[in-house]
């Protein structure tokens, strides 16, 4: 007898429905076909033990299982429950009406308990698209899948519950989530708050500008100046994610199994901080069956690279294209996967190998040759994609011991969101651009026009500070953001003056 059960495979951030055909016939043998990997081939041992421990068994007959489409590689242990229900239904050990309405996924323990799976959200999205009414999966993934409306999601703990549901008509408990309520209740409670930062007013201002225009930023300062502390608080002042962004972000984290069991939808923007020993594949994504890397896990959030010159040069170079295109494409002989990677890059570095360049009280100083070698690890093309360079100085004792609370992240975020709204309105007719940092040369000429006094001011500054040509466009973009924060329709002299301050690394004596 032949039975069809439905599961799903995830490629990139999209899912593909897999039809599991189980045929039980006279004879003997167990044949699993359709390009399964080793984890799926071993499933018959897990299924046999799980069924035996729950009062059922794999029949001693000829069982042929085909996973269709047969030319698509299937991987992982998430098909255990799909195969088990197919075997029970095909061997008539259980009644299984309306199997075509169900998508079933889950890994089995030997006692029949279900283990969590990866990619529950993309699978649920695809199930709804293809007209499935119900989705049975491990209870740990139920909240994640229940984000998708118009699909009945049933989280189960043991295969016995699934068997009784089909065989005896036991009703499974449906997981229902109010996506909007779940999303909005977590918006205003950032884990890290700018109110905790003592002093550093100029750096906070700089962070506010970076958040408002989506500008990449590099913080340069000695150890203990607060670079990491400031970077960790940047996501708390970014505009709240839209529901679409939250779904997109949750999808990527779902593929690698990083969504926490108690939270369905990710409401906070991601903050990723990989160690400087990371490989280029781990950063951009890849592997035999490509998985998203750190830059995709930071999508719609912040990627923080601490001690930037310590990263291998090859690792930093592979980031150049994703920073420009805001997506990363991983190609293999048989298929190509594209992951989104629209993130804000925040980097930090010491000004010299010892960390105390320009500090008269420093315990160690570096020679000019050591300085040059250290700074040359960061390539010009990468720096070209960083709009704001700012020097961070240590906080004096009187500021550290001050009991007054600083301005909270929620207050700063209101100003940032207002500035972003102005940019959304400005670029509403251009699909690929949403905020100032994404402007190309043509849009800079259109939206960052300067009056004569401002042009003269910028010309004088560039000549006197010996700023490079690449700094020109960056200064105009940042000045446009500063003007947006002040709700000024045109860029004025003071906006240019402030923007010029944020180009430390272009000045002679740094990388010149």
Protein backbone atom coordinates (compact mmCIF):
# COMPACT_ATOMS: atom_id res chain seq x y z
CA UNK A 1 0.00 0.00 0.00
CA UNK A 2 1.23 3.48 -0.90
CA UNK A 3 0.93 6.58 1.34
CA UNK A 4 2.20 10.14 0.83
CA UNK A 5 3.35 12.37 3.70
CA UNK A 6 4.74 15.88 3.34
CA UNK A 7 7.87 17.47 4.79
CA UNK A 8 10.11 20.35 3.74
CA UNK A 9 13.74 21.18 2.89
CA UNK A 10 15.36 24.60 3.40
CA UNK A 11 17.74 26.11 0.83
CA UNK A 12 19.02 29.60 1.60
CA UNK A 13 16.11 31.30 3.34
CA UNK A 14 13.46 29.59 1.22
CA UNK A 15 11.83 26.18 1.76
CA UNK A 16 10.87 23.49 -0.77
CA UNK A 17 8.10 20.97 -0.07
CA UNK A 18 9.28 17.36 0.00
CA UNK A 19 6.82 14.54 -0.75
CA UNK A 20 7.68 11.36 1.17
CA UNK A 21 6.15 8.36 -0.66
CA UNK A 22 6.05 5.16 1.42
CA UNK A 23 5.24 1.87 -0.29
CA UNK A 24 4.83 -1.32 1.80
CA UNK A 25 4.81 -4.55 -0.23
CA UNK A 26 5.34 -8.28 0.27
CA UNK A 27 8.96 -9.28 0.60
CA UNK A 28 11.70 -8.02 2.87
CA UNK A 29 14.03 -4.99 2.94
CA UNK A 30 14.16 -1.28 3.74
CA UNK A 31 15.07 1.02 0.85
CA UNK A 32 15.34 4.81 1.25
CA UNK A 33 15.87 6.73 -2.02
CA UNK A 34 15.77 10.36 -3.19
CA UNK A 35 19.28 11.66 -2.33
CA UNK A 36 19.10 11.46 1.48
CA UNK A 37 22.25 12.27 3.48
CA UNK A 38 23.68 10.04 6.24
CA UNK A 39 21.53 11.59 8.98
CA UNK A 40 18.37 10.56 7.05
CA UNK A 41 19.76 7.11 6.16
CA UNK A 42 20.33 6.44 9.88
CA UNK A 43 16.75 7.48 10.69
CA UNK A 44 15.41 3.89 10.42
CA UNK A 45 17.25 3.00 13.66
CA UNK A 46 15.76 6.00 15.50
CA UNK A 47 12.30 5.32 14.06
CA UNK A 48 12.43 1.58 14.94
CA UNK A 49 13.35 2.28 18.59
CA UNK A 50 10.87 5.16 18.96
CA UNK A 51 7.96 3.11 17.53
CA UNK A 52 8.85 0.03 19.62
CA UNK A 53 8.96 2.13 22.80
CA UNK A 54 5.47 3.44 21.99
CA UNK A 55 3.79 0.12 21.17
CA UNK A 56 4.27 0.05 17.37
CA UNK A 57 6.87 -1.43 15.01
CA UNK A 58 8.41 -1.21 11.55
CA UNK A 59 6.74 -4.11 9.67
CA UNK A 60 8.96 -6.95 8.44
CA UNK A 61 8.00 -6.33 4.81
CA UNK A 62 9.54 -4.66 1.79
CA UNK A 63 9.46 -0.91 2.46
CA UNK A 64 10.43 1.54 -0.28
CA UNK A 65 10.56 5.22 0.67
CA UNK A 66 11.09 7.88 -1.98
CA UNK A 67 11.78 11.50 -1.08
CA UNK A 68 10.57 13.55 -4.01
CA UNK A 69 11.86 15.58 -5.88
CA UNK A 70 14.44 12.79 -6.08
CA UNK A 71 17.24 14.92 -7.60
CA UNK A 72 17.28 17.41 -4.70
CA UNK A 73 19.73 16.71 -1.86
CA UNK A 74 17.95 16.18 1.50
CA UNK A 75 19.88 16.67 4.72
CA UNK A 76 19.39 16.59 8.49
CA UNK A 77 17.33 14.57 10.94
CA UNK A 78 14.12 16.61 10.74
CA UNK A 79 12.31 13.99 8.57
CA UNK A 80 12.12 11.27 11.30
CA UNK A 81 8.48 11.92 12.24
CA UNK A 82 7.49 12.35 8.55
CA UNK A 83 8.95 8.93 7.69
CA UNK A 84 7.54 7.26 10.84
CA UNK A 85 3.96 8.41 10.20
CA UNK A 86 4.30 7.36 6.53
CA UNK A 87 5.44 3.85 7.53
CA UNK A 88 2.62 3.43 10.10
CA UNK A 89 -0.02 4.66 7.65
CA UNK A 90 1.24 2.57 4.70
CA UNK A 91 1.40 -0.59 6.85
CA UNK A 92 -2.18 0.11 8.11
CA UNK A 93 -1.09 0.20 11.76
CA UNK A 94 -2.92 3.52 12.11
CA UNK A 95 -5.75 5.26 10.29
CA UNK A 96 -4.43 8.37 8.60
CA UNK A 97 -7.13 10.37 6.87
CA UNK A 98 -6.43 13.82 5.43
CA UNK A 99 -2.63 13.38 5.49
CA UNK A 100 -2.47 15.63 2.43
CA UNK A 101 -3.57 18.59 4.60
CA UNK A 102 -0.62 18.20 6.97
CA UNK A 103 3.04 19.10 6.80
CA UNK A 104 4.93 17.07 9.43
CA UNK A 105 8.52 17.64 10.64
CA UNK A 106 10.59 16.61 13.68
CA UNK A 107 13.63 14.66 14.85
CA UNK A 108 12.97 11.61 17.04
CA UNK A 109 14.67 10.52 20.24
CA UNK A 110 14.73 6.76 20.93
CA UNK A 111 11.86 7.12 23.44
CA UNK A 112 9.68 8.93 20.88
CA UNK A 113 10.26 12.50 22.14
CA UNK A 114 10.66 15.19 19.49
CA UNK A 115 13.83 17.30 19.18
CA UNK A 116 13.78 20.84 17.71
CA UNK A 117 14.42 21.46 14.00
CA UNK A 118 16.02 24.30 12.00
CA UNK A 119 14.17 26.57 9.59
CA UNK A 120 10.67 26.29 11.10
CA UNK A 121 9.67 29.80 9.94
CA UNK A 122 10.62 29.46 6.22
CA UNK A 123 8.95 26.01 6.24
CA UNK A 124 5.72 27.46 7.69
CA UNK A 125 5.74 30.31 5.13
CA UNK A 126 6.08 27.80 2.26
CA UNK A 127 3.41 25.49 3.77
CA UNK A 128 0.88 28.32 3.77
CA UNK A 129 1.85 29.31 0.20
CA UNK A 130 1.25 25.74 -1.00
CA UNK A 131 -2.17 25.47 0.65
CA UNK A 132 -1.42 23.18 3.62
CA UNK A 133 -3.88 23.70 6.47
CA UNK A 134 -1.87 22.17 9.35
CA UNK A 135 1.76 22.00 10.44
CA UNK A 136 2.89 19.47 13.08
CA UNK A 137 6.37 20.09 14.53
CA UNK A 138 8.32 19.96 17.85
CA UNK A 139 6.85 22.21 20.57
CA UNK A 140 10.18 24.11 20.89
CA UNK A 141 9.66 25.49 17.36
CA UNK A 142 5.90 26.06 17.60
CA UNK A 143 6.02 29.78 18.51
CA UNK A 144 8.37 30.50 15.64
CA UNK A 145 6.09 28.77 13.08
CA UNK A 146 2.91 30.26 14.60
CA UNK A 147 4.01 33.73 13.41
CA UNK A 148 2.56 32.68 10.04
CA UNK A 149 -1.19 33.32 9.92
CA UNK A 150 -3.77 31.17 8.12
CA UNK A 151 -1.89 27.99 9.14
CA UNK A 152 -2.80 25.76 12.11
CA UNK A 153 0.43 25.08 14.00
CA UNK A 154 0.57 22.15 16.43
CA UNK A 155 3.59 21.83 18.72
CA UNK A 156 4.02 18.27 20.03
CA UNK A 157 6.41 16.68 22.54
CA UNK A 158 6.10 12.99 21.60
CA UNK A 159 5.28 10.92 18.51
CA UNK A 160 2.52 9.21 20.53
CA UNK A 161 0.54 12.49 20.39
CA UNK A 162 0.83 12.56 16.59
CA UNK A 163 -0.19 8.87 16.28
CA UNK A 164 -3.21 9.35 18.58
CA UNK A 165 -4.24 12.46 16.65
CA UNK A 166 -4.49 10.53 13.38
CA UNK A 167 -5.53 7.12 14.74
CA UNK A 168 -7.87 8.00 17.62
CA UNK A 169 -8.91 11.53 16.74
CA UNK A 170 -7.22 13.12 19.79
CA UNK A 171 -7.18 16.89 19.35
CA UNK A 172 -3.74 18.50 19.35
CA UNK A 173 -3.33 21.86 21.08
CA UNK A 174 -2.91 24.65 18.55
CA UNK A 175 -0.24 27.29 19.13
CA UNK A 176 -1.70 30.75 18.52
CA UNK A 177 0.34 33.94 18.61
CA UNK A 178 -0.76 37.53 18.15
CA UNK A 179 2.22 38.50 16.02
CA UNK A 180 1.72 42.25 16.35
CA UNK A 181 1.30 42.14 20.11
CA UNK A 182 4.35 39.85 20.44
CA UNK A 183 6.32 42.23 18.25
CA UNK A 184 5.41 45.53 19.90
CA UNK A 185 5.69 44.44 23.55
CA UNK A 186 9.47 43.99 23.23
CA UNK A 187 10.24 47.19 21.30
CA UNK A 188 10.85 49.68 24.11
CA UNK A 189 12.98 47.58 26.44
CA UNK A 190 16.51 47.55 25.04
CA UNK A 191 18.95 45.29 26.86
CA UNK A 192 21.72 47.94 26.73
CA UNK A 193 20.84 51.61 27.29
CA UNK A 194 22.75 54.80 26.50
CA UNK A 195 21.67 56.09 29.93
CA UNK A 196 24.42 53.85 31.40
CA UNK A 197 27.20 55.65 29.51
CA UNK A 198 29.00 58.33 31.54
CA UNK A 199 30.38 61.31 29.63
CA UNK A 200 31.27 60.73 25.95
CA UNK A 201 28.66 63.28 24.79
CA UNK A 202 30.41 63.90 21.46
CA UNK A 203 30.59 60.15 20.74
CA UNK A 204 26.90 59.70 21.63
CA UNK A 205 26.11 62.48 19.18
CA UNK A 206 28.21 60.70 16.57
CA UNK A 207 26.36 57.42 17.21
CA UNK A 208 23.02 59.24 16.85
CA UNK A 209 24.09 60.61 13.44
CA UNK A 210 25.31 57.15 12.32
CA UNK A 211 21.99 55.56 13.37
CA UNK A 212 19.91 58.29 11.72
CA UNK A 213 21.60 57.93 8.32
CA UNK A 214 22.56 54.23 8.49
CA UNK A 215 26.24 55.22 8.22
CA UNK A 216 29.05 52.75 8.87
CA UNK A 217 31.30 54.00 11.68
CA UNK A 218 34.78 53.32 13.07
CA UNK A 219 35.76 54.18 16.65
CA UNK A 220 39.45 54.83 17.32
CA UNK A 221 40.73 55.02 20.87
CA UNK A 222 42.95 53.52 23.57
CA UNK A 223 41.94 50.44 25.61
CA UNK A 224 39.24 51.14 28.20
CA UNK A 225 37.90 54.27 26.49
CA UNK A 226 34.43 52.69 26.08
CA UNK A 227 34.41 51.72 22.39
CA UNK A 228 32.76 48.31 22.91
CA UNK A 229 30.29 49.70 25.46
CA UNK A 230 29.14 52.37 22.99
CA UNK A 231 28.91 49.91 20.07
CA UNK A 232 26.74 47.48 22.05
CA UNK A 233 24.22 50.26 22.67
CA UNK A 234 23.88 51.30 19.02
CA UNK A 235 21.02 48.84 18.19
CA UNK A 236 18.95 50.41 21.01
CA UNK A 237 18.79 53.78 19.18
CA UNK A 238 18.18 52.42 15.68
CA UNK A 239 14.59 52.88 14.48
CA UNK A 240 12.32 49.97 15.53
CA UNK A 241 12.17 47.14 13.01
CA UNK A 242 9.11 47.01 10.81
CA UNK A 243 7.08 43.80 10.91
CA UNK A 244 8.50 42.88 7.49
CA UNK A 245 12.10 43.40 8.68
CA UNK A 246 11.41 41.35 11.82
CA UNK A 247 10.07 38.45 9.71
CA UNK A 248 13.05 38.63 7.34
CA UNK A 249 15.54 38.66 10.26
CA UNK A 250 13.78 35.83 12.11
CA UNK A 251 13.84 33.75 8.90
CA UNK A 252 17.65 33.93 8.65
CA UNK A 253 18.15 33.09 12.33
CA UNK A 254 15.61 30.25 11.98
CA UNK A 255 17.67 28.63 9.20
CA UNK A 256 20.65 28.24 11.56
CA UNK A 257 18.46 27.32 14.56
CA UNK A 258 19.24 30.51 16.50
CA UNK A 259 15.68 31.59 17.41
CA UNK A 260 15.04 31.25 21.14
CA UNK A 261 12.21 28.85 22.03
CA UNK A 262 10.23 31.37 24.12
CA UNK A 263 10.29 34.15 21.48
CA UNK A 264 8.50 33.69 18.21
CA UNK A 265 9.43 36.88 16.39
CA UNK A 266 12.70 38.80 16.83
CA UNK A 267 11.70 42.32 17.83
CA UNK A 268 15.17 43.67 18.68
CA UNK A 269 17.68 44.39 15.95
CA UNK A 270 20.49 41.79 15.89
CA UNK A 271 23.95 42.66 17.17
CA UNK A 272 26.72 40.35 15.99
CA UNK A 273 30.28 40.61 17.27
CA UNK A 274 32.51 37.89 15.73
CA UNK A 275 36.00 37.27 17.15
CA UNK A 276 38.95 38.46 15.06
CA UNK A 277 40.05 34.84 14.41
CA UNK A 278 36.91 34.26 12.28
CA UNK A 279 37.38 32.73 8.81
CA UNK A 280 36.06 34.38 5.65
CA UNK A 281 33.52 31.53 5.14
CA UNK A 282 32.15 31.99 8.67
CA UNK A 283 31.81 35.73 8.04
CA UNK A 284 30.08 35.73 4.63
CA UNK A 285 28.51 32.26 4.79
CA UNK A 286 29.21 29.06 2.90
CA UNK A 287 30.03 25.43 3.47
CA UNK A 288 29.13 22.37 1.38
CA UNK A 289 25.46 23.14 2.00
CA UNK A 290 25.67 26.93 2.32
CA UNK A 291 24.64 28.42 5.66
CA UNK A 292 24.31 32.15 6.38
CA UNK A 293 27.41 33.80 7.86
CA UNK A 294 27.78 36.56 10.46
CA UNK A 295 27.04 39.33 7.95
CA UNK A 296 23.64 37.77 7.15
CA UNK A 297 22.86 37.11 10.83
CA UNK A 298 23.48 40.87 11.32
CA UNK A 299 20.88 41.69 8.59
CA UNK A 300 18.75 44.70 9.65
CA UNK A 301 21.06 45.18 12.64
CA UNK A 302 24.67 45.86 13.58
CA UNK A 303 27.89 43.97 12.77
CA UNK A 304 30.58 44.96 15.27
CA UNK A 305 34.21 44.20 14.41
CA UNK A 306 36.28 44.84 17.52
CA UNK A 307 40.04 45.41 16.98
CA UNK A 308 39.61 45.77 13.21
CA UNK A 309 43.35 45.57 12.25
CA UNK A 310 43.59 42.18 14.01
CA UNK A 311 41.20 40.58 11.49
CA UNK A 312 42.88 38.71 8.62
CA UNK A 313 43.05 40.91 5.54
CA UNK A 314 41.29 38.29 3.37
CA UNK A 315 38.37 38.30 5.82
CA UNK A 316 37.97 42.08 5.60
CA UNK A 317 38.25 42.06 1.81
CA UNK A 318 35.34 39.62 1.35
CA UNK A 319 33.10 42.16 3.07
CA UNK A 320 33.57 44.81 0.41
CA UNK A 321 30.98 43.46 -2.03
CA UNK A 322 28.25 42.68 0.58
CA UNK A 323 28.69 46.19 2.04
CA UNK A 324 28.00 47.62 -1.41
CA UNK A 325 25.27 45.24 -2.66
CA UNK A 326 23.62 44.52 0.73
CA UNK A 327 23.34 40.84 -0.15
CA UNK A 328 25.76 37.96 -0.49
CA UNK A 329 25.58 35.26 -3.16
CA UNK A 330 27.17 31.87 -2.53
CA UNK A 331 27.62 29.73 -5.65
CA UNK A 332 28.09 25.99 -5.84
CA UNK A 333 28.28 23.73 -8.90
CA UNK A 334 24.62 22.62 -8.62
CA UNK A 335 22.93 25.67 -7.11
CA UNK A 336 23.28 29.29 -5.97
CA UNK A 337 22.01 30.74 -2.70
CA UNK A 338 21.53 34.45 -1.97
CA UNK A 339 21.33 35.72 1.61
CA UNK A 340 20.39 39.32 2.47
CA UNK A 341 23.05 41.25 4.39
CA UNK A 342 21.92 44.84 4.89
CA UNK A 343 23.71 45.77 8.11
CA UNK A 344 25.43 48.71 9.77
CA UNK A 345 29.14 48.13 10.18
CA UNK A 346 30.62 49.37 13.45
CA UNK A 347 34.37 48.84 13.80
CA UNK A 348 36.73 49.73 16.60
CA UNK A 349 40.49 49.86 16.78
CA UNK A 350 43.36 51.04 18.92
CA UNK A 351 45.25 53.93 17.29
CA UNK A 352 48.54 51.96 17.43
CA UNK A 353 49.81 48.46 18.32
CA UNK A 354 50.39 49.55 21.93
CA UNK A 355 47.01 51.29 21.99
CA UNK A 356 48.28 54.61 23.32
CA UNK A 357 49.15 56.74 20.28
CA UNK A 358 49.14 60.51 21.02
CA UNK A 359 48.85 59.88 24.79
CA UNK A 360 51.66 61.69 26.66
CA UNK A 361 51.09 59.56 29.79
CA UNK A 362 51.24 56.28 27.90
CA UNK A 363 53.23 53.42 29.41
CA UNK A 364 54.24 52.20 25.91
CA UNK A 365 54.54 54.06 22.63
CA UNK A 366 54.95 52.82 19.06
CA UNK A 367 57.38 53.98 16.40
CA UNK A 368 56.01 55.65 13.22
CA UNK A 369 56.99 52.53 11.22
CA UNK A 370 55.00 50.25 13.59
CA UNK A 371 52.06 52.64 13.38
CA UNK A 372 52.09 52.60 9.59
CA UNK A 373 52.32 48.78 9.45
CA UNK A 374 49.43 48.48 11.92
CA UNK A 375 47.12 50.91 10.11
CA UNK A 376 47.96 49.57 6.64
CA UNK A 377 46.21 46.30 7.58
CA UNK A 378 42.95 48.11 6.81
CA UNK A 379 42.61 48.56 3.06
CA UNK A 380 41.57 51.82 1.43
CA UNK A 381 38.55 50.26 -0.35
CA UNK A 382 37.16 49.04 3.00
CA UNK A 383 37.72 52.43 4.67
CA UNK A 384 36.04 53.94 1.63
CA UNK A 385 32.81 52.27 2.75
CA UNK A 386 32.99 53.71 6.29
CA UNK A 387 31.42 57.18 6.46
CA UNK A 388 32.30 58.23 10.01
CA UNK A 389 35.68 58.03 11.78
CA UNK A 390 35.70 59.26 15.38
CA UNK A 391 38.34 59.32 18.09
CA UNK A 392 37.22 58.08 21.51
CA UNK A 393 39.09 59.46 24.52
CA UNK A 394 39.04 57.95 28.03
CA UNK A 395 36.39 59.32 30.41
CA UNK A 396 37.82 61.55 33.21
CA UNK A 397 37.17 60.54 36.84
CA UNK A 398 34.72 63.39 37.62
CA UNK A 399 32.43 62.17 34.79
CA UNK A 400 32.75 58.52 35.85
CA UNK A 401 31.78 59.30 39.45
CA UNK A 402 28.83 61.51 38.43
CA UNK A 403 25.55 59.97 39.64
CA UNK A 404 23.37 61.68 37.07
CA UNK A 405 21.81 59.44 34.42
CA UNK A 406 22.54 60.18 30.79
CA UNK A 407 19.92 60.53 28.05
CA UNK A 408 18.07 57.24 27.53
CA UNK A 409 18.14 55.21 24.30
CA UNK A 410 14.36 55.56 23.88
CA UNK A 411 14.65 59.41 23.82
CA UNK A 412 17.52 59.34 21.30
CA UNK A 413 15.65 56.79 19.16
CA UNK A 414 12.69 59.18 18.79
CA UNK A 415 14.96 61.76 17.11
CA UNK A 416 16.61 59.08 14.95
CA UNK A 417 13.22 57.71 13.83
CA UNK A 418 12.05 61.23 12.91
CA UNK A 419 15.15 61.73 10.74
CA UNK A 420 14.66 58.30 9.11
CA UNK A 421 11.02 59.20 8.31
CA UNK A 422 12.25 62.28 6.41
CA UNK A 423 14.64 60.07 4.41
CA UNK A 424 11.92 57.49 3.67
CA UNK A 425 9.83 60.33 2.22
CA UNK A 426 12.79 61.69 0.23
CA UNK A 427 13.64 58.31 -1.37
CA UNK A 428 10.11 56.97 -1.71
CA UNK A 429 10.41 56.74 -5.52
CA UNK A 430 13.79 54.90 -5.44
CA UNK A 431 13.44 51.19 -4.59
CA UNK A 432 17.05 50.47 -3.68
CA UNK A 433 17.58 53.44 -1.33
CA UNK A 434 15.99 53.89 2.09
CA UNK A 435 18.43 56.14 3.98
CA UNK A 436 21.27 58.60 3.34
CA UNK A 437 24.19 56.16 3.59
CA UNK A 438 22.89 54.32 0.50
CA UNK A 439 23.02 57.38 -1.79
CA UNK A 440 25.24 57.14 -4.87
CA UNK A 441 27.05 60.05 -6.58
CA UNK A 442 23.99 61.02 -8.64
CA UNK A 443 21.73 61.29 -5.59
CA UNK A 444 24.41 63.13 -3.59
CA UNK A 445 24.48 65.83 -6.32
CA UNK A 446 20.67 65.99 -6.22
CA UNK A 447 19.95 65.96 -2.48
CA UNK A 448 23.15 67.43 -0.99
CA UNK A 449 23.38 70.69 -2.95
CA UNK A 450 25.45 73.37 -1.18
CA UNK A 451 25.22 77.16 -1.27
CA UNK A 452 28.32 79.23 -2.12
CA UNK A 453 29.53 79.89 1.50
CA UNK A 454 29.19 76.15 2.38
CA UNK A 455 31.14 75.16 -0.75
CA UNK A 456 33.93 77.58 0.19
CA UNK A 457 33.98 76.23 3.73
CA UNK A 458 34.28 72.63 2.50
CA UNK A 459 37.00 73.60 -0.02
CA UNK A 460 39.06 75.37 2.67
CA UNK A 461 38.68 72.42 5.09
CA UNK A 462 39.72 69.85 2.48
CA UNK A 463 42.82 71.84 1.56
CA UNK A 464 43.85 72.69 5.13
CA UNK A 465 43.24 69.21 6.61
CA UNK A 466 44.53 67.53 3.46
CA UNK A 467 41.36 65.42 3.20
CA UNK A 468 41.24 62.83 0.41
CA UNK A 469 38.82 62.93 -2.52
CA UNK A 470 36.93 59.95 -1.07
CA UNK A 471 36.13 62.07 1.99
CA UNK A 472 34.16 64.60 -0.10
CA UNK A 473 31.09 62.42 -0.77
CA UNK A 474 31.18 61.00 2.76
CA UNK A 475 31.14 64.48 4.30
CA UNK A 476 28.15 65.48 2.16
CA UNK A 477 26.19 62.33 3.13
CA UNK A 478 26.87 62.83 6.85
CA UNK A 479 26.03 66.56 6.58
CA UNK A 480 22.70 65.61 4.95
CA UNK A 481 21.93 63.36 7.95
CA UNK A 482 22.87 66.09 10.46
CA UNK A 483 20.51 68.45 8.60
CA UNK A 484 17.75 65.80 8.77
CA UNK A 485 18.19 65.48 12.56
CA UNK A 486 17.62 69.24 12.79
CA UNK A 487 14.73 68.97 10.26
CA UNK A 488 16.53 71.40 7.98
CA UNK A 489 15.56 71.10 4.28
CA UNK A 490 19.00 72.39 3.14
CA UNK A 491 22.55 71.65 4.26
CA UNK A 492 24.01 74.64 6.10
CA UNK A 493 27.53 75.67 7.07
CA UNK A 494 27.36 74.25 10.61
CA UNK A 495 26.27 70.86 9.24
CA UNK A 496 29.35 70.75 6.98
CA UNK A 497 31.62 71.84 9.85
CA UNK A 498 30.36 69.03 12.08
CA UNK A 499 30.60 66.42 9.31
CA UNK A 500 34.25 67.36 8.62
CA UNK A 501 35.15 66.46 12.22
CA UNK A 502 34.12 62.85 11.57
CA UNK A 503 36.91 62.04 9.07
CA UNK A 504 39.87 61.40 11.44
CA UNK A 505 41.52 58.68 9.36
CA UNK A 506 41.62 60.82 6.20
CA UNK A 507 43.82 63.45 7.83
CA UNK A 508 47.54 63.64 7.28
CA UNK A 509 49.40 61.83 10.04
CA UNK A 510 46.92 58.92 10.24
CA UNK A 511 47.01 57.01 6.99
CA UNK A 512 49.02 59.49 4.98
